[in-house]
Structures are given as structure tokens and as C-alpha cells.
Amino acid sequence: MDYFRKIDDMRVARGWSFYKLSQESGLSQQTFSQWMSHKATPTLTALTAVCEAFDITLAEFFAEDDIIIATPEVKQLIKNWQVLT
């Protein structure tokens, strides 16, 4: 998985700059610069911070492209549907 590209794709999809991602994740812009230039590799702690900034789980981050990430509303709808007889 090219997690550098995935992070950048999610950042761009939200219309965020690296500054905004830095603010939301608590990681420095230098950290992202090093990742994008492949001079450093994210730690699990850093990836967790990025996922929290994007409001997704690590499992959702590592999910294959064909898996749809459900919103909290959709997740609740599925829970409600499962209890129907």
C-alpha cells in the first residue's frame, strides 16, 4: 500500500493544505514533507493521529479500495436493520 499517496489523496479530497492537516493531526508539516519525499516512514502513533484528523479508523485507512467507509449515520442504520425481524 502506498500510504503516502493515500494520505495525500484524503488531504486533497477534503481541500486541506498540509498546514491544515498538521493542525488537525498535531504532527509537524516537516513530518509530512519527510513522508512525501520518502525520507521517513510514519509510526503507528503518527498514522493514528492522521486517521483521527480524518475521522477514520486505522482499519478504514488500511481497507482495500472496494470497501466503502460508512458514515456514523449509515453504521447506525445498519445496526437498526440487523435487529428487525
C-alpha atoms as a PDB file:
ATOM      1  CA  MET A   1       0.000   0.000   0.000  1.00  0.00           C
ATOM      2  CA  ASP A   2       1.238   3.466  -0.848  1.00  0.00           C
ATOM      3  CA  TYR A   3       0.129   5.171   2.333  1.00  0.00           C
ATOM      4  CA  PHE A   4       1.899   8.393   1.339  1.00  0.00           C
ATOM      5  CA  ARG A   5      -0.410   8.665  -1.661  1.00  0.00           C
ATOM      6  CA  LYS A   6      -3.454   7.639   0.386  1.00  0.00           C
ATOM      7  CA  ILE A   7      -2.804  10.359   2.979  1.00  0.00           C
ATOM      8  CA  ASP A   8      -2.280  12.916   0.241  1.00  0.00           C
ATOM      9  CA  ASP A   9      -5.424  11.806  -1.630  1.00  0.00           C
ATOM     10  CA  MET A  10      -7.519  12.123   1.537  1.00  0.00           C
ATOM     11  CA  ARG A  11      -5.976  15.515   2.273  1.00  0.00           C
ATOM     12  CA  VAL A  12      -6.732  16.805  -1.224  1.00  0.00           C
ATOM     13  CA  ALA A  13     -10.266  15.337  -1.180  1.00  0.00           C
ATOM     14  CA  ARG A  14     -11.007  17.404   1.915  1.00  0.00           C
ATOM     15  CA  GLY A  15      -9.471  20.520   0.398  1.00  0.00           C
ATOM     16  CA  TRP A  16      -6.860  20.628   3.163  1.00  0.00           C
ATOM     17  CA  SER A  17      -3.385  22.060   2.911  1.00  0.00           C
ATOM     18  CA  PHE A  18      -0.514  20.350   4.675  1.00  0.00           C
ATOM     19  CA  TYR A  19      -0.791  23.152   7.216  1.00  0.00           C
ATOM     20  CA  LYS A  20      -4.423  22.209   7.936  1.00  0.00           C
ATOM     21  CA  LEU A  21      -3.531  18.511   8.187  1.00  0.00           C
ATOM     22  CA  SER A  22      -0.709  19.445  10.527  1.00  0.00           C
ATOM     23  CA  GLN A  23      -3.093  21.437  12.730  1.00  0.00           C
ATOM     24  CA  GLU A  24      -5.724  18.680  12.779  1.00  0.00           C
ATOM     25  CA  SER A  25      -3.288  15.835  13.448  1.00  0.00           C
ATOM     26  CA  GLY A  26      -0.840  17.556  15.765  1.00  0.00           C
ATOM     27  CA  LEU A  27       2.060  16.498  13.538  1.00  0.00           C
ATOM     28  CA  SER A  28       4.508  18.967  12.027  1.00  0.00           C
ATOM     29  CA  GLN A  29       4.465  19.983   8.380  1.00  0.00           C
ATOM     30  CA  GLN A  30       8.075  18.782   8.273  1.00  0.00           C
ATOM     31  CA  THR A  31       6.854  15.289   9.192  1.00  0.00           C
ATOM     32  CA  PHE A  32       4.552  15.213   6.166  1.00  0.00           C
ATOM     33  CA  SER A  33       7.282  16.618   3.952  1.00  0.00           C
ATOM     34  CA  GLN A  34       9.628  13.815   5.016  1.00  0.00           C
ATOM     35  CA  TRP A  35       6.933  11.196   4.386  1.00  0.00           C
ATOM     36  CA  MET A  36       6.103  12.536   0.942  1.00  0.00           C
ATOM     37  CA  SER A  37       9.780  12.589  -0.056  1.00  0.00           C
ATOM     38  CA  HIS A  38      10.206   9.062   1.375  1.00  0.00           C
ATOM     39  CA  LYS A  39      12.857  10.253   3.830  1.00  0.00           C
ATOM     40  CA  ALA A  40      10.865   8.907   6.779  1.00  0.00           C
ATOM     41  CA  THR A  41       8.190   6.318   7.471  1.00  0.00           C
ATOM     42  CA  PRO A  42       5.148   7.005   9.649  1.00  0.00           C
ATOM     43  CA  THR A  43       4.961   5.320  13.021  1.00  0.00           C
ATOM     44  CA  LEU A  44       1.743   3.683  14.188  1.00  0.00           C
ATOM     45  CA  THR A  45       1.230   6.603  16.571  1.00  0.00           C
ATOM     46  CA  ALA A  46       1.609   9.101  13.728  1.00  0.00           C
ATOM     47  CA  LEU A  47      -0.758   7.149  11.463  1.00  0.00           C
ATOM     48  CA  THR A  48      -3.280   7.031  14.293  1.00  0.00           C
ATOM     49  CA  ALA A  49      -3.052  10.832  14.612  1.00  0.00           C
ATOM     50  CA  VAL A  50      -3.644  11.214  10.870  1.00  0.00           C
ATOM     51  CA  CYS A  51      -6.623   8.861  10.994  1.00  0.00           C
ATOM     52  CA  GLU A  52      -8.107  10.776  13.911  1.00  0.00           C
ATOM     53  CA  ALA A  53      -7.686  14.003  11.956  1.00  0.00           C
ATOM     54  CA  PHE A  54      -9.574  12.435   9.036  1.00  0.00           C
ATOM     55  CA  ASP A  55     -12.137  10.930  11.454  1.00  0.00           C
ATOM     56  CA  ILE A  56     -11.476   7.371  10.309  1.00  0.00           C
ATOM     57  CA  THR A  57     -10.117   4.257  11.999  1.00  0.00           C
ATOM     58  CA  LEU A  58      -6.827   2.569  11.189  1.00  0.00           C
ATOM     59  CA  ALA A  59      -8.863  -0.331   9.782  1.00  0.00           C
ATOM     60  CA  GLU A  60     -10.633   2.053   7.422  1.00  0.00           C
ATOM     61  CA  PHE A  61      -7.300   3.567   6.413  1.00  0.00           C
ATOM     62  CA  PHE A  62      -5.858   0.167   5.515  1.00  0.00           C
ATOM     63  CA  ALA A  63      -9.059  -1.095   3.877  1.00  0.00           C
ATOM     64  CA  GLU A  64      -8.929  -2.014   0.210  1.00  0.00           C
ATOM     65  CA  ASP A  65     -10.387   0.477  -2.258  1.00  0.00           C
ATOM     66  CA  ASP A  66     -13.526  -1.591  -2.883  1.00  0.00           C
ATOM     67  CA  ILE A  67     -14.608  -1.354   0.764  1.00  0.00           C
ATOM     68  CA  ILE A  68     -16.983   1.524   1.426  1.00  0.00           C
ATOM     69  CA  ILE A  69     -16.341   3.509   4.577  1.00  0.00           C
ATOM     70  CA  ALA A  70     -19.706   4.088   6.231  1.00  0.00           C
ATOM     71  CA  THR A  71     -20.627   7.308   7.962  1.00  0.00           C
ATOM     72  CA  PRO A  72     -21.808   7.097  11.589  1.00  0.00           C
ATOM     73  CA  GLU A  73     -25.385   7.524  10.346  1.00  0.00           C
ATOM     74  CA  VAL A  74     -25.074   4.582   7.956  1.00  0.00           C
ATOM     75  CA  LYS A  75     -23.489   2.451  10.679  1.00  0.00           C
ATOM     76  CA  GLN A  76     -26.456   3.215  12.959  1.00  0.00           C
ATOM     77  CA  LEU A  77     -28.894   2.393  10.158  1.00  0.00           C
ATOM     78  CA  ILE A  78     -27.201  -0.993   9.672  1.00  0.00           C
ATOM     79  CA  LYS A  79     -27.394  -1.697  13.418  1.00  0.00           C
ATOM     80  CA  ASN A  80     -31.095  -0.841  13.417  1.00  0.00           C
ATOM     81  CA  TRP A  81     -31.708  -3.036  10.360  1.00  0.00           C
ATOM     82  CA  GLN A  82     -29.956  -6.016  11.961  1.00  0.00           C
ATOM     83  CA  VAL A  83     -32.427  -6.157  14.849  1.00  0.00           C
ATOM     84  CA  LEU A  84     -35.510  -6.196  12.600  1.00  0.00           C
ATOM     85  CA  THR A  85     -37.424  -9.471  12.335  1.00  0.00           C
END
